Amino acid sequence: MYRSVTNSTCSWKRIKMKRNRLYESRTHLLAEAIHFQVGLSTIWKSERAID
């Protein structure tokens, strides 16, 4: 009885960890995309200013 309970909590924690990691990677990718877009727009603006 007790053993099955601990097993279920362990698996639940593992699922939660996996979900957190997935969420972290997703937010990281989003941040990277925003950073990339900002960099692109900055380059584009500076090139326009040179023209």
PDB file of N, CA and C in Angstrom:
ATOM      1  N   MET A   1       0.843  -1.207   0.000  1.00  0.00           N
ATOM      2  CA  MET A   1       0.000   0.000   0.000  1.00  0.00           C
ATOM      3  C   MET A   1       0.874   1.251   0.000  1.00  0.00           C
ATOM      4  N   TYR A   2       1.740   1.356   1.011  1.00  0.00           N
ATOM      5  CA  TYR A   2       2.589   2.538   1.147  1.00  0.00           C
ATOM      6  C   TYR A   2       3.526   2.673  -0.050  1.00  0.00           C
ATOM      7  N   ARG A   3       4.035   1.524  -0.494  1.00  0.00           N
ATOM      8  CA  ARG A   3       4.980   1.527  -1.599  1.00  0.00           C
ATOM      9  C   ARG A   3       4.335   2.057  -2.891  1.00  0.00           C
ATOM     10  N   SER A   4       3.111   1.651  -3.164  1.00  0.00           N
ATOM     11  CA  SER A   4       2.424   2.111  -4.370  1.00  0.00           C
ATOM     12  C   SER A   4       2.179   3.624  -4.301  1.00  0.00           C
ATOM     13  N   VAL A   5       1.903   4.122  -3.108  1.00  0.00           N
ATOM     14  CA  VAL A   5       1.677   5.563  -2.938  1.00  0.00           C
ATOM     15  C   VAL A   5       2.955   6.332  -3.256  1.00  0.00           C
ATOM     16  N   THR A   6       4.091   5.871  -2.720  1.00  0.00           N
ATOM     17  CA  THR A   6       5.355   6.557  -2.976  1.00  0.00           C
ATOM     18  C   THR A   6       5.711   6.482  -4.458  1.00  0.00           C
ATOM     19  N   ASN A   7       5.431   5.344  -5.082  1.00  0.00           N
ATOM     20  CA  ASN A   7       5.709   5.199  -6.507  1.00  0.00           C
ATOM     21  C   ASN A   7       4.902   6.195  -7.328  1.00  0.00           C
ATOM     22  N   SER A   8       3.629   6.356  -6.979  1.00  0.00           N
ATOM     23  CA  SER A   8       2.778   7.275  -7.732  1.00  0.00           C
ATOM     24  C   SER A   8       3.252   8.717  -7.549  1.00  0.00           C
ATOM     25  N   THR A   9       3.675   9.076  -6.316  1.00  0.00           N
ATOM     26  CA  THR A   9       4.160  10.436  -6.100  1.00  0.00           C
ATOM     27  C   THR A   9       5.460  10.661  -6.855  1.00  0.00           C
ATOM     28  N   CYS A  10       6.307   9.634  -6.905  1.00  0.00           N
ATOM     29  CA  CYS A  10       7.569   9.753  -7.634  1.00  0.00           C
ATOM     30  C   CYS A  10       7.310   9.981  -9.119  1.00  0.00           C
ATOM     31  N   SER A  11       6.399   9.195  -9.676  1.00  0.00           N
ATOM     32  CA  SER A  11       6.088   9.344 -11.094  1.00  0.00           C
ATOM     33  C   SER A  11       5.440  10.702 -11.349  1.00  0.00           C
ATOM     34  N   TRP A  12       4.604  11.157 -10.410  1.00  0.00           N
ATOM     35  CA  TRP A  12       3.963  12.459 -10.554  1.00  0.00           C
ATOM     36  C   TRP A  12       5.016  13.564 -10.543  1.00  0.00           C
ATOM     37  N   LYS A  13       5.978  13.445  -9.635  1.00  0.00           N
ATOM     38  CA  LYS A  13       7.066  14.424  -9.571  1.00  0.00           C
ATOM     39  C   LYS A  13       7.867  14.418 -10.864  1.00  0.00           C
ATOM     40  N   ARG A  14       8.106  13.220 -11.397  1.00  0.00           N
ATOM     41  CA  ARG A  14       8.870  13.101 -12.631  1.00  0.00           C
ATOM     42  C   ARG A  14       8.121  13.777 -13.781  1.00  0.00           C
ATOM     43  N   ILE A  15       6.803  13.555 -13.833  1.00  0.00           N
ATOM     44  CA  ILE A  15       5.981  14.185 -14.875  1.00  0.00           C
ATOM     45  C   ILE A  15       6.030  15.701 -14.716  1.00  0.00           C
ATOM     46  N   LYS A  16       5.934  16.157 -13.473  1.00  0.00           N
ATOM     47  CA  LYS A  16       5.962  17.591 -13.205  1.00  0.00           C
ATOM     48  C   LYS A  16       7.307  18.182 -13.632  1.00  0.00           C
ATOM     49  N   MET A  17       8.394  17.475 -13.318  1.00  0.00           N
ATOM     50  CA  MET A  17       9.727  17.923 -13.712  1.00  0.00           C
ATOM     51  C   MET A  17       9.820  18.030 -15.224  1.00  0.00           C
ATOM     52  N   LYS A  18       9.308  16.995 -15.909  1.00  0.00           N
ATOM     53  CA  LYS A  18       9.347  16.986 -17.367  1.00  0.00           C
ATOM     54  C   LYS A  18       8.572  18.166 -17.930  1.00  0.00           C
ATOM     55  N   ARG A  19       7.402  18.412 -17.341  1.00  0.00           N
ATOM     56  CA  ARG A  19       6.567  19.513 -17.811  1.00  0.00           C
ATOM     57  C   ARG A  19       7.272  20.843 -17.574  1.00  0.00           C
ATOM     58  N   ASN A  20       7.912  20.989 -16.413  1.00  0.00           N
ATOM     59  CA  ASN A  20       8.650  22.211 -16.111  1.00  0.00           C
ATOM     60  C   ASN A  20       9.780  22.429 -17.103  1.00  0.00           C
ATOM     61  N   ARG A  21      10.495  21.357 -17.420  1.00  0.00           N
ATOM     62  CA  ARG A  21      11.608  21.460 -18.351  1.00  0.00           C
ATOM     63  C   ARG A  21      11.096  21.866 -19.727  1.00  0.00           C
ATOM     64  N   LEU A  22       9.966  21.268 -20.122  1.00  0.00           N
ATOM     65  CA  LEU A  22       9.362  21.590 -21.412  1.00  0.00           C
ATOM     66  C   LEU A  22       8.960  23.064 -21.431  1.00  0.00           C
ATOM     67  N   TYR A  23       8.351  23.518 -20.331  1.00  0.00           N
ATOM     68  CA  TYR A  23       7.906  24.905 -20.225  1.00  0.00           C
ATOM     69  C   TYR A  23       9.102  25.848 -20.272  1.00  0.00           C
ATOM     70  N   GLU A  24      10.174  25.483 -19.550  1.00  0.00           N
ATOM     71  CA  GLU A  24      11.380  26.306 -19.534  1.00  0.00           C
ATOM     72  C   GLU A  24      11.981  26.418 -20.921  1.00  0.00           C
ATOM     73  N   SER A  25      12.062  25.284 -21.629  1.00  0.00           N
ATOM     74  CA  SER A  25      12.644  25.310 -22.967  1.00  0.00           C
ATOM     75  C   SER A  25      11.777  26.135 -23.907  1.00  0.00           C
ATOM     76  N   ARG A  26      10.449  26.058 -23.715  1.00  0.00           N
ATOM     77  CA  ARG A  26       9.545  26.821 -24.572  1.00  0.00           C
ATOM     78  C   ARG A  26       9.725  28.315 -24.340  1.00  0.00           C
ATOM     79  N   THR A  27       9.811  28.734 -23.069  1.00  0.00           N
ATOM     80  CA  THR A  27       9.993  30.150 -22.774  1.00  0.00           C
ATOM     81  C   THR A  27      11.366  30.607 -23.253  1.00  0.00           C
ATOM     82  N   HIS A  28      12.358  29.728 -23.145  1.00  0.00           N
ATOM     83  CA  HIS A  28      13.701  30.058 -23.612  1.00  0.00           C
ATOM     84  C   HIS A  28      13.685  30.283 -25.117  1.00  0.00           C
ATOM     85  N   LEU A  29      12.992  29.408 -25.838  1.00  0.00           N
ATOM     86  CA  LEU A  29      12.883  29.556 -27.290  1.00  0.00           C
ATOM     87  C   LEU A  29      12.168  30.848 -27.639  1.00  0.00           C
ATOM     88  N   LEU A  30      11.125  31.171 -26.889  1.00  0.00           N
ATOM     89  CA  LEU A  30      10.374  32.402 -27.123  1.00  0.00           C
ATOM     90  C   LEU A  30      11.276  33.612 -26.902  1.00  0.00           C
ATOM     91  N   ALA A  31      12.056  33.577 -25.818  1.00  0.00           N
ATOM     92  CA  ALA A  31      12.980  34.668 -25.530  1.00  0.00           C
ATOM     93  C   ALA A  31      14.020  34.801 -26.636  1.00  0.00           C
ATOM     94  N   GLU A  32      14.528  33.667 -27.111  1.00  0.00           N
ATOM     95  CA  GLU A  32      15.500  33.675 -28.208  1.00  0.00           C
ATOM     96  C   GLU A  32      14.886  34.296 -29.456  1.00  0.00           C
ATOM     97  N   ALA A  33      13.645  33.923 -29.765  1.00  0.00           N
ATOM     98  CA  ALA A  33      12.964  34.448 -30.948  1.00  0.00           C
ATOM     99  C   ALA A  33      12.781  35.955 -30.841  1.00  0.00           C
ATOM    100  N   ILE A  34      12.372  36.425 -29.665  1.00  0.00           N
ATOM    101  CA  ILE A  34      12.188  37.864 -29.452  1.00  0.00           C
ATOM    102  C   ILE A  34      13.523  38.579 -29.604  1.00  0.00           C
ATOM    103  N   HIS A  35      14.560  38.040 -28.999  1.00  0.00           N
ATOM    104  CA  HIS A  35      15.896  38.626 -29.080  1.00  0.00           C
ATOM    105  C   HIS A  35      16.350  38.701 -30.534  1.00  0.00           C
ATOM    106  N   PHE A  36      16.112  37.628 -31.276  1.00  0.00           N
ATOM    107  CA  PHE A  36      16.486  37.553 -32.688  1.00  0.00           C
ATOM    108  C   PHE A  36      15.743  38.614 -33.492  1.00  0.00           C
ATOM    109  N   GLN A  37      14.441  38.753 -33.254  1.00  0.00           N
ATOM    110  CA  GLN A  37      13.639  39.747 -33.970  1.00  0.00           C
ATOM    111  C   GLN A  37      14.105  41.155 -33.648  1.00  0.00           C
ATOM    112  N   VAL A  38      14.405  41.409 -32.381  1.00  0.00           N
ATOM    113  CA  VAL A  38      14.890  42.730 -31.974  1.00  0.00           C
ATOM    114  C   VAL A  38      16.207  43.037 -32.672  1.00  0.00           C
ATOM    115  N   GLY A  39      17.093  42.048 -32.707  1.00  0.00           N
ATOM    116  CA  GLY A  39      18.377  42.213 -33.382  1.00  0.00           C
ATOM    117  C   GLY A  39      18.195  42.492 -34.861  1.00  0.00           C
ATOM    118  N   LEU A  40      17.296  41.761 -35.500  1.00  0.00           N
ATOM    119  CA  LEU A  40      17.026  41.954 -36.924  1.00  0.00           C
ATOM    120  C   LEU A  40      16.490  43.349 -37.189  1.00  0.00           C
ATOM    121  N   SER A  41      15.525  43.785 -36.382  1.00  0.00           N
ATOM    122  CA  SER A  41      14.929  45.105 -36.596  1.00  0.00           C
ATOM    123  C   SER A  41      15.963  46.200 -36.361  1.00  0.00           C
ATOM    124  N   THR A  42      16.862  45.993 -35.394  1.00  0.00           N
ATOM    125  CA  THR A  42      17.917  46.973 -35.125  1.00  0.00           C
ATOM    126  C   THR A  42      18.859  47.074 -36.316  1.00  0.00           C
ATOM    127  N   ILE A  43      19.259  45.917 -36.860  1.00  0.00           N
ATOM    128  CA  ILE A  43      20.130  45.895 -38.038  1.00  0.00           C
ATOM    129  C   ILE A  43      19.425  46.577 -39.207  1.00  0.00           C
ATOM    130  N   TRP A  44      18.146  46.253 -39.394  1.00  0.00           N
ATOM    131  CA  TRP A  44      17.373  46.811 -40.499  1.00  0.00           C
ATOM    132  C   TRP A  44      17.273  48.329 -40.363  1.00  0.00           C
ATOM    133  N   LYS A  45      17.021  48.824 -39.137  1.00  0.00           N
ATOM    134  CA  LYS A  45      16.918  50.265 -38.900  1.00  0.00           C
ATOM    135  C   LYS A  45      18.248  50.953 -39.168  1.00  0.00           C
ATOM    136  N   SER A  46      19.345  50.342 -38.710  1.00  0.00           N
ATOM    137  CA  SER A  46      20.655  50.962 -38.902  1.00  0.00           C
ATOM    138  C   SER A  46      21.017  50.991 -40.383  1.00  0.00           C
ATOM    139  N   GLU A  47      20.649  49.941 -41.120  1.00  0.00           N
ATOM    140  CA  GLU A  47      20.912  49.919 -42.556  1.00  0.00           C
ATOM    141  C   GLU A  47      20.082  50.981 -43.270  1.00  0.00           C
ATOM    142  N   ARG A  48      18.852  51.161 -42.832  1.00  0.00           N
ATOM    143  CA  ARG A  48      17.990  52.186 -43.417  1.00  0.00           C
ATOM    144  C   ARG A  48      18.560  53.576 -43.126  1.00  0.00           C
ATOM    145  N   ALA A  49      19.099  53.733 -41.919  1.00  0.00           N
ATOM    146  CA  ALA A  49      19.671  55.023 -41.534  1.00  0.00           C
ATOM    147  C   ALA A  49      20.895  55.335 -42.391  1.00  0.00           C
ATOM    148  N   ILE A  50      21.687  54.299 -42.704  1.00  0.00           N
ATOM    149  CA  ILE A  50      22.875  54.491 -43.542  1.00  0.00           C
ATOM    150  C   ILE A  50      22.451  54.916 -44.948  1.00  0.00           C
ATOM    151  N   ASP A  51      21.396  54.284 -45.476  1.00  0.00           N
ATOM    152  CA  ASP A  51      20.883  54.655 -46.795  1.00  0.00           C
ATOM    153  C   ASP A  51      20.337  56.079 -46.735  1.00  0.00           C
TER     154      ASP A  51
END
